[in-house]
């Protein structure tokens, strides 16, 4: 069985946001076993799997990635869409746009402290589209 649906998330501010509940809210009953593949259809945001309990982890992610890939670097040539655009593309490439999560006993088989992040790298990224594919 393969089931696929496309969803749109409401706009988020710049930062790292837990979207696990939004994702599971869009899913119908999951198979006994299988895989959920999540693909983000954008080049200035990303997906990640990480700490879901302490919000300071997401703040530290934001601090670290902004220092790793700073804005307003004079070497950037892709600058027509604002100072956050080229850094957003670079950050997106570092994190990636896809996650694959196992399904076990009709549930996402995440670790106790794992959650799905939308990594929004733009000041005004707008709505973000995801493709959810269940294989099971």
N, C-alpha and C. Protein backbone atom coordinates (compact mmCIF):
# COMPACT_ATOMS: atom_id res chain seq x y z
N UNK A 1 0.83 -1.17 0.00
CA UNK A 1 0.00 0.00 0.00
C UNK A 1 0.88 1.24 0.00
N UNK A 2 0.58 2.18 -0.85
CA UNK A 2 1.23 3.48 -0.87
C UNK A 2 0.14 4.53 -0.88
N UNK A 3 0.20 5.44 0.08
CA UNK A 3 -0.76 6.54 0.18
C UNK A 3 0.04 7.83 0.20
N UNK A 4 -0.42 8.80 -0.58
CA UNK A 4 0.30 10.07 -0.63
C UNK A 4 -0.68 11.22 -0.56
N UNK A 5 -0.29 12.26 0.20
CA UNK A 5 -1.09 13.47 0.22
C UNK A 5 -0.17 14.66 0.36
N UNK A 6 -0.64 15.78 -0.19
CA UNK A 6 0.09 17.03 -0.07
C UNK A 6 -0.66 17.91 0.91
N UNK A 7 0.10 18.57 1.78
CA UNK A 7 -0.49 19.45 2.78
C UNK A 7 0.24 20.79 2.75
N UNK A 8 -0.41 21.80 3.29
CA UNK A 8 0.21 23.12 3.43
C UNK A 8 0.19 23.51 4.90
N UNK A 9 1.33 23.93 5.39
CA UNK A 9 1.43 24.43 6.76
C UNK A 9 1.24 25.94 6.75
N UNK A 10 0.61 26.45 7.77
CA UNK A 10 0.51 27.90 7.93
C UNK A 10 1.89 28.49 8.07
N UNK A 11 2.07 29.75 7.72
CA UNK A 11 3.39 30.38 7.84
C UNK A 11 3.91 30.36 9.28
N UNK A 12 5.21 30.16 9.39
CA UNK A 12 5.91 30.21 10.67
C UNK A 12 6.92 31.35 10.63
N UNK A 13 7.25 31.88 11.79
CA UNK A 13 8.32 32.86 11.89
C UNK A 13 9.66 32.15 11.69
N UNK A 14 10.69 32.92 11.51
CA UNK A 14 12.02 32.33 11.38
C UNK A 14 12.34 31.55 12.65
N UNK A 15 12.89 30.34 12.48
CA UNK A 15 13.28 29.53 13.63
C UNK A 15 13.00 28.07 13.39
N UNK A 16 13.11 27.30 14.46
CA UNK A 16 12.93 25.85 14.43
C UNK A 16 11.64 25.55 15.18
N UNK A 17 10.70 24.92 14.48
CA UNK A 17 9.35 24.73 15.01
C UNK A 17 8.97 23.26 15.01
N UNK A 18 8.44 22.78 16.14
CA UNK A 18 7.94 21.40 16.21
C UNK A 18 6.65 21.30 15.41
N UNK A 19 6.62 20.38 14.46
CA UNK A 19 5.41 20.19 13.64
C UNK A 19 4.92 18.75 13.70
N UNK A 20 5.38 17.98 14.65
CA UNK A 20 4.98 16.57 14.75
C UNK A 20 3.46 16.43 14.82
N UNK A 21 2.82 17.20 15.68
CA UNK A 21 1.36 17.11 15.83
C UNK A 21 0.63 17.53 14.56
N UNK A 22 1.14 18.56 13.87
CA UNK A 22 0.49 18.94 12.61
C UNK A 22 0.58 17.80 11.60
N UNK A 23 1.75 17.18 11.51
CA UNK A 23 1.94 16.06 10.56
C UNK A 23 0.99 14.92 10.91
N UNK A 24 1.01 14.47 12.17
CA UNK A 24 0.16 13.33 12.53
C UNK A 24 -1.32 13.67 12.41
N UNK A 25 -1.67 14.92 12.56
CA UNK A 25 -3.06 15.33 12.39
C UNK A 25 -3.57 15.19 10.97
N UNK A 26 -2.68 15.22 10.01
CA UNK A 26 -3.06 15.05 8.61
C UNK A 26 -3.09 13.59 8.18
N UNK A 27 -2.58 12.70 9.01
CA UNK A 27 -2.47 11.29 8.63
C UNK A 27 -3.71 10.51 9.06
N UNK A 28 -4.21 9.69 8.16
CA UNK A 28 -5.28 8.76 8.51
C UNK A 28 -4.64 7.61 9.29
N UNK A 29 -5.39 6.57 9.54
CA UNK A 29 -4.83 5.43 10.28
C UNK A 29 -3.59 4.90 9.57
N UNK A 30 -2.55 4.71 10.34
CA UNK A 30 -1.29 4.22 9.80
C UNK A 30 -1.31 2.69 9.76
N UNK A 31 -0.52 2.10 8.85
CA UNK A 31 -0.45 0.63 8.80
C UNK A 31 0.26 0.07 10.03
N UNK A 32 0.18 -1.23 10.19
CA UNK A 32 0.86 -1.90 11.31
C UNK A 32 2.36 -1.58 11.27
N UNK A 33 2.97 -1.74 10.10
CA UNK A 33 4.37 -1.39 9.91
C UNK A 33 4.52 -0.69 8.57
N UNK A 34 5.57 0.09 8.46
CA UNK A 34 5.82 0.79 7.21
C UNK A 34 6.75 1.96 7.42
N UNK A 35 6.63 2.91 6.50
CA UNK A 35 7.47 4.10 6.53
C UNK A 35 6.62 5.32 6.20
N UNK A 36 6.92 6.43 6.85
CA UNK A 36 6.38 7.72 6.46
C UNK A 36 7.54 8.53 5.90
N UNK A 37 7.40 8.94 4.66
CA UNK A 37 8.39 9.81 4.05
C UNK A 37 7.77 11.20 3.96
N UNK A 38 8.50 12.21 4.43
CA UNK A 38 8.04 13.60 4.41
C UNK A 38 9.00 14.39 3.54
N UNK A 39 8.46 15.08 2.54
CA UNK A 39 9.27 15.89 1.65
C UNK A 39 8.76 17.32 1.66
N UNK A 40 9.65 18.26 1.91
CA UNK A 40 9.34 19.68 1.91
C UNK A 40 9.65 20.25 0.53
N UNK A 41 8.67 20.92 -0.09
CA UNK A 41 8.81 21.39 -1.46
C UNK A 41 9.34 22.84 -1.52
N UNK A 42 10.41 23.10 -0.80
CA UNK A 42 10.97 24.46 -0.76
C UNK A 42 12.48 24.41 -0.63
N UNK A 43 13.13 25.51 -1.05
CA UNK A 43 14.60 25.57 -1.02
C UNK A 43 15.14 26.57 0.00
N UNK A 44 14.26 27.14 0.81
CA UNK A 44 14.72 28.09 1.83
C UNK A 44 14.22 27.71 3.22
N UNK A 45 13.83 26.47 3.38
CA UNK A 45 13.42 25.90 4.66
C UNK A 45 13.90 24.45 4.65
N UNK A 46 13.74 23.76 5.77
CA UNK A 46 14.23 22.38 5.85
C UNK A 46 13.44 21.61 6.89
N UNK A 47 13.73 20.31 6.95
CA UNK A 47 13.16 19.43 7.96
C UNK A 47 14.29 18.84 8.78
N UNK A 48 13.99 18.56 10.03
CA UNK A 48 14.98 17.90 10.90
C UNK A 48 14.22 17.09 11.95
N UNK A 49 14.91 16.15 12.53
CA UNK A 49 14.38 15.33 13.61
C UNK A 49 15.29 15.57 14.81
N UNK A 50 14.71 16.09 15.91
CA UNK A 50 15.55 16.37 17.06
C UNK A 50 14.72 16.53 18.31
N UNK A 51 15.32 17.08 19.36
CA UNK A 51 14.75 17.26 20.70
C UNK A 51 13.35 17.89 20.66
N UNK A 52 12.41 17.25 21.35
CA UNK A 52 11.04 17.76 21.34
C UNK A 52 10.58 18.29 22.69
N UNK A 53 11.42 18.28 23.70
CA UNK A 53 10.97 18.64 25.05
C UNK A 53 11.41 20.05 25.47
N UNK A 54 12.68 20.35 25.35
CA UNK A 54 13.20 21.61 25.85
C UNK A 54 13.31 22.63 24.72
N UNK A 55 12.54 23.71 24.75
CA UNK A 55 12.57 24.70 23.68
C UNK A 55 13.92 25.41 23.53
N UNK A 56 14.77 25.36 24.55
CA UNK A 56 16.07 26.01 24.43
C UNK A 56 16.94 25.33 23.37
N UNK A 57 16.67 24.05 23.09
CA UNK A 57 17.42 23.36 22.03
C UNK A 57 17.15 24.05 20.70
N UNK A 58 15.89 24.39 20.43
CA UNK A 58 15.55 25.05 19.16
C UNK A 58 16.14 26.46 19.10
N UNK A 59 16.22 27.15 20.22
CA UNK A 59 16.87 28.47 20.27
C UNK A 59 18.36 28.33 19.96
N UNK A 60 18.98 27.30 20.53
CA UNK A 60 20.41 27.09 20.28
C UNK A 60 20.68 26.69 18.83
N UNK A 61 19.78 25.89 18.24
CA UNK A 61 19.91 25.58 16.81
C UNK A 61 19.92 26.88 16.00
N UNK A 62 18.98 27.75 16.29
CA UNK A 62 18.87 29.01 15.56
C UNK A 62 20.14 29.85 15.72
N UNK A 63 20.63 29.96 16.94
CA UNK A 63 21.85 30.70 17.21
C UNK A 63 23.02 30.12 16.41
N UNK A 64 23.18 28.79 16.47
CA UNK A 64 24.31 28.13 15.81
C UNK A 64 24.25 28.31 14.29
N UNK A 65 23.09 28.03 13.69
CA UNK A 65 23.01 28.07 12.22
C UNK A 65 23.16 29.49 11.69
N UNK A 66 22.68 30.49 12.45
CA UNK A 66 22.87 31.88 12.01
C UNK A 66 24.33 32.30 12.09
N UNK A 67 25.08 31.74 13.02
CA UNK A 67 26.52 32.03 13.08
C UNK A 67 27.28 31.26 12.00
N UNK A 68 26.84 30.03 11.72
CA UNK A 68 27.50 29.22 10.71
C UNK A 68 27.31 29.82 9.31
N UNK A 69 26.09 30.29 9.03
CA UNK A 69 25.77 30.86 7.72
C UNK A 69 25.19 32.26 7.95
N UNK A 70 26.05 33.26 8.03
CA UNK A 70 25.58 34.61 8.33
C UNK A 70 24.91 35.28 7.14
N UNK A 71 24.08 36.25 7.45
CA UNK A 71 23.47 37.09 6.41
C UNK A 71 24.44 38.22 6.04
N UNK A 72 24.12 38.85 4.91
CA UNK A 72 24.85 40.04 4.44
C UNK A 72 26.34 39.79 4.17
N UNK A 73 26.68 38.58 3.82
CA UNK A 73 28.06 38.31 3.45
C UNK A 73 28.30 38.96 2.08
N UNK A 74 29.31 39.81 1.94
CA UNK A 74 29.52 40.49 0.67
C UNK A 74 29.90 39.55 -0.48
N UNK A 75 30.24 38.31 -0.18
CA UNK A 75 30.58 37.35 -1.24
C UNK A 75 29.34 36.79 -1.94
N UNK A 76 28.16 36.89 -1.31
CA UNK A 76 26.95 36.37 -1.92
C UNK A 76 26.60 37.18 -3.17
N UNK A 77 26.25 36.48 -4.25
CA UNK A 77 25.80 37.16 -5.47
C UNK A 77 24.29 37.04 -5.66
N UNK A 78 23.67 36.06 -5.05
CA UNK A 78 22.21 35.87 -5.13
C UNK A 78 21.58 36.70 -4.02
N UNK A 79 21.26 37.95 -4.32
CA UNK A 79 20.82 38.89 -3.28
C UNK A 79 19.52 39.60 -3.61
N UNK A 80 18.89 39.32 -4.76
CA UNK A 80 17.72 40.08 -5.19
C UNK A 80 16.50 39.90 -4.28
N UNK A 81 16.41 38.78 -3.57
CA UNK A 81 15.23 38.51 -2.74
C UNK A 81 15.45 38.84 -1.27
N UNK A 82 16.49 39.58 -0.94
CA UNK A 82 16.72 40.00 0.43
C UNK A 82 17.91 39.33 1.06
N UNK A 83 18.31 39.90 2.18
CA UNK A 83 19.53 39.43 2.85
C UNK A 83 19.38 38.05 3.49
N UNK A 84 18.14 37.58 3.67
CA UNK A 84 17.95 36.26 4.27
C UNK A 84 17.80 35.15 3.23
N UNK A 85 17.76 35.51 1.93
CA UNK A 85 17.47 34.51 0.90
C UNK A 85 18.63 33.54 0.66
N UNK A 86 19.79 34.02 0.27
CA UNK A 86 20.90 33.11 -0.01
C UNK A 86 21.30 32.32 1.23
N UNK A 87 21.40 32.94 2.41
CA UNK A 87 21.69 32.12 3.60
C UNK A 87 20.63 31.03 3.82
N UNK A 88 19.37 31.33 3.49
CA UNK A 88 18.31 30.33 3.64
C UNK A 88 18.53 29.14 2.73
N UNK A 89 18.97 29.39 1.50
CA UNK A 89 19.25 28.28 0.57
C UNK A 89 20.40 27.42 1.10
N UNK A 90 21.43 28.06 1.61
CA UNK A 90 22.57 27.30 2.14
C UNK A 90 22.17 26.48 3.36
N UNK A 91 21.42 27.08 4.27
CA UNK A 91 20.96 26.36 5.46
C UNK A 91 20.07 25.20 5.08
N UNK A 92 19.19 25.41 4.11
CA UNK A 92 18.30 24.36 3.64
C UNK A 92 19.09 23.17 3.09
N UNK A 93 20.15 23.48 2.34
CA UNK A 93 20.99 22.41 1.77
C UNK A 93 21.71 21.63 2.88
N UNK A 94 22.10 22.32 3.94
CA UNK A 94 22.79 21.64 5.04
C UNK A 94 21.86 20.68 5.80
N UNK A 95 20.62 21.10 6.02
CA UNK A 95 19.67 20.27 6.79
C UNK A 95 18.94 19.26 5.91
N UNK A 96 18.49 19.67 4.73
CA UNK A 96 17.78 18.78 3.83
C UNK A 96 16.27 18.96 3.89
N UNK A 97 15.60 18.44 2.88
CA UNK A 97 14.16 18.61 2.74
C UNK A 97 13.36 17.35 2.94
N UNK A 98 13.95 16.26 3.37
CA UNK A 98 13.22 15.01 3.50
C UNK A 98 13.57 14.28 4.79
N UNK A 99 12.57 13.59 5.32
CA UNK A 99 12.74 12.69 6.46
C UNK A 99 12.00 11.40 6.17
N UNK A 100 12.52 10.29 6.65
CA UNK A 100 11.83 9.01 6.58
C UNK A 100 11.76 8.46 8.00
N UNK A 101 10.55 8.17 8.45
CA UNK A 101 10.32 7.72 9.83
C UNK A 101 9.62 6.36 9.80
N UNK A 102 10.11 5.38 10.56
CA UNK A 102 9.45 4.08 10.59
C UNK A 102 8.07 4.16 11.27
N UNK A 103 7.19 3.31 10.81
CA UNK A 103 5.87 3.14 11.42
C UNK A 103 5.86 1.76 12.07
N UNK A 104 5.51 1.71 13.36
CA UNK A 104 5.44 0.46 14.10
C UNK A 104 4.18 0.47 14.94
N UNK A 105 3.38 -0.59 14.84
CA UNK A 105 2.13 -0.71 15.60
C UNK A 105 1.23 0.51 15.39
N UNK A 106 1.12 0.92 14.12
CA UNK A 106 0.21 2.01 13.71
C UNK A 106 0.63 3.39 14.23
N UNK A 107 1.89 3.55 14.64
CA UNK A 107 2.36 4.84 15.16
C UNK A 107 3.73 5.16 14.58
N UNK A 108 4.05 6.46 14.51
CA UNK A 108 5.40 6.84 14.13
C UNK A 108 6.35 6.35 15.22
N UNK A 109 7.40 5.67 14.81
CA UNK A 109 8.33 5.07 15.77
C UNK A 109 9.46 6.06 16.05
N UNK A 110 9.10 7.12 16.79
CA UNK A 110 10.06 8.14 17.17
C UNK A 110 10.60 7.83 18.57
N UNK A 111 11.80 8.29 18.84
CA UNK A 111 12.35 8.17 20.18
C UNK A 111 11.59 9.06 21.15
N UNK A 112 11.75 8.78 22.42
CA UNK A 112 11.03 9.50 23.47
C UNK A 112 11.16 11.01 23.33
N UNK A 113 12.33 11.50 22.98
CA UNK A 113 12.58 12.94 22.94
C UNK A 113 12.72 13.45 21.51
N UNK A 114 12.18 12.73 20.52
CA UNK A 114 12.31 13.16 19.14
C UNK A 114 11.04 13.82 18.63
N UNK A 115 11.22 14.89 17.88
CA UNK A 115 10.12 15.56 17.23
C UNK A 115 10.55 16.02 15.85
N UNK A 116 9.56 16.25 14.99
CA UNK A 116 9.81 16.72 13.64
C UNK A 116 9.85 18.24 13.66
N UNK A 117 10.92 18.80 13.12
CA UNK A 117 11.08 20.26 13.05
C UNK A 117 10.84 20.75 11.63
N UNK A 118 10.14 21.87 11.53
CA UNK A 118 10.22 22.70 10.33
C UNK A 118 11.27 23.76 10.66
N UNK A 119 12.29 23.82 9.86
CA UNK A 119 13.36 24.80 10.03
C UNK A 119 13.07 25.94 9.06
N UNK A 120 12.54 27.01 9.57
CA UNK A 120 12.18 28.16 8.73
C UNK A 120 13.33 29.15 8.76
N UNK A 121 13.93 29.37 7.61
CA UNK A 121 15.12 30.21 7.53
C UNK A 121 14.83 31.61 6.99
N UNK A 122 13.62 31.86 6.52
CA UNK A 122 13.27 33.18 5.99
C UNK A 122 12.50 33.98 7.04
N UNK A 123 12.61 35.30 6.96
CA UNK A 123 11.82 36.16 7.84
C UNK A 123 10.34 36.04 7.50
N UNK A 124 10.03 35.91 6.22
CA UNK A 124 8.64 35.77 5.75
C UNK A 124 8.58 34.67 4.71
N UNK A 125 8.71 33.43 5.16
CA UNK A 125 8.74 32.30 4.24
C UNK A 125 7.39 31.93 3.66
N UNK A 126 6.33 32.31 4.33
CA UNK A 126 5.00 31.98 3.85
C UNK A 126 4.62 30.54 4.17
N UNK A 127 3.52 30.13 3.58
CA UNK A 127 3.03 28.76 3.75
C UNK A 127 4.04 27.78 3.16
N UNK A 128 4.20 26.65 3.81
CA UNK A 128 5.13 25.63 3.32
C UNK A 128 4.38 24.36 2.96
N UNK A 129 4.70 23.80 1.79
CA UNK A 129 4.03 22.60 1.29
C UNK A 129 4.87 21.36 1.55
N UNK A 130 4.18 20.31 2.00
CA UNK A 130 4.81 19.03 2.28
C UNK A 130 4.12 17.93 1.50
N UNK A 131 4.87 16.93 1.10
CA UNK A 131 4.33 15.70 0.52
C UNK A 131 4.54 14.61 1.56
N UNK A 132 3.45 13.99 2.00
CA UNK A 132 3.50 12.89 2.96
C UNK A 132 3.22 11.60 2.22
N UNK A 133 4.16 10.66 2.25
CA UNK A 133 3.98 9.38 1.57
C UNK A 133 4.10 8.27 2.61
N UNK A 134 3.05 7.46 2.70
CA UNK A 134 3.05 6.31 3.60
C UNK A 134 3.24 5.06 2.76
N UNK A 135 4.24 4.28 3.12
CA UNK A 135 4.53 3.02 2.45
C UNK A 135 4.37 1.93 3.50
N UNK A 136 3.43 1.03 3.28
CA UNK A 136 3.24 -0.01 4.29
C UNK A 136 2.26 -1.05 3.87
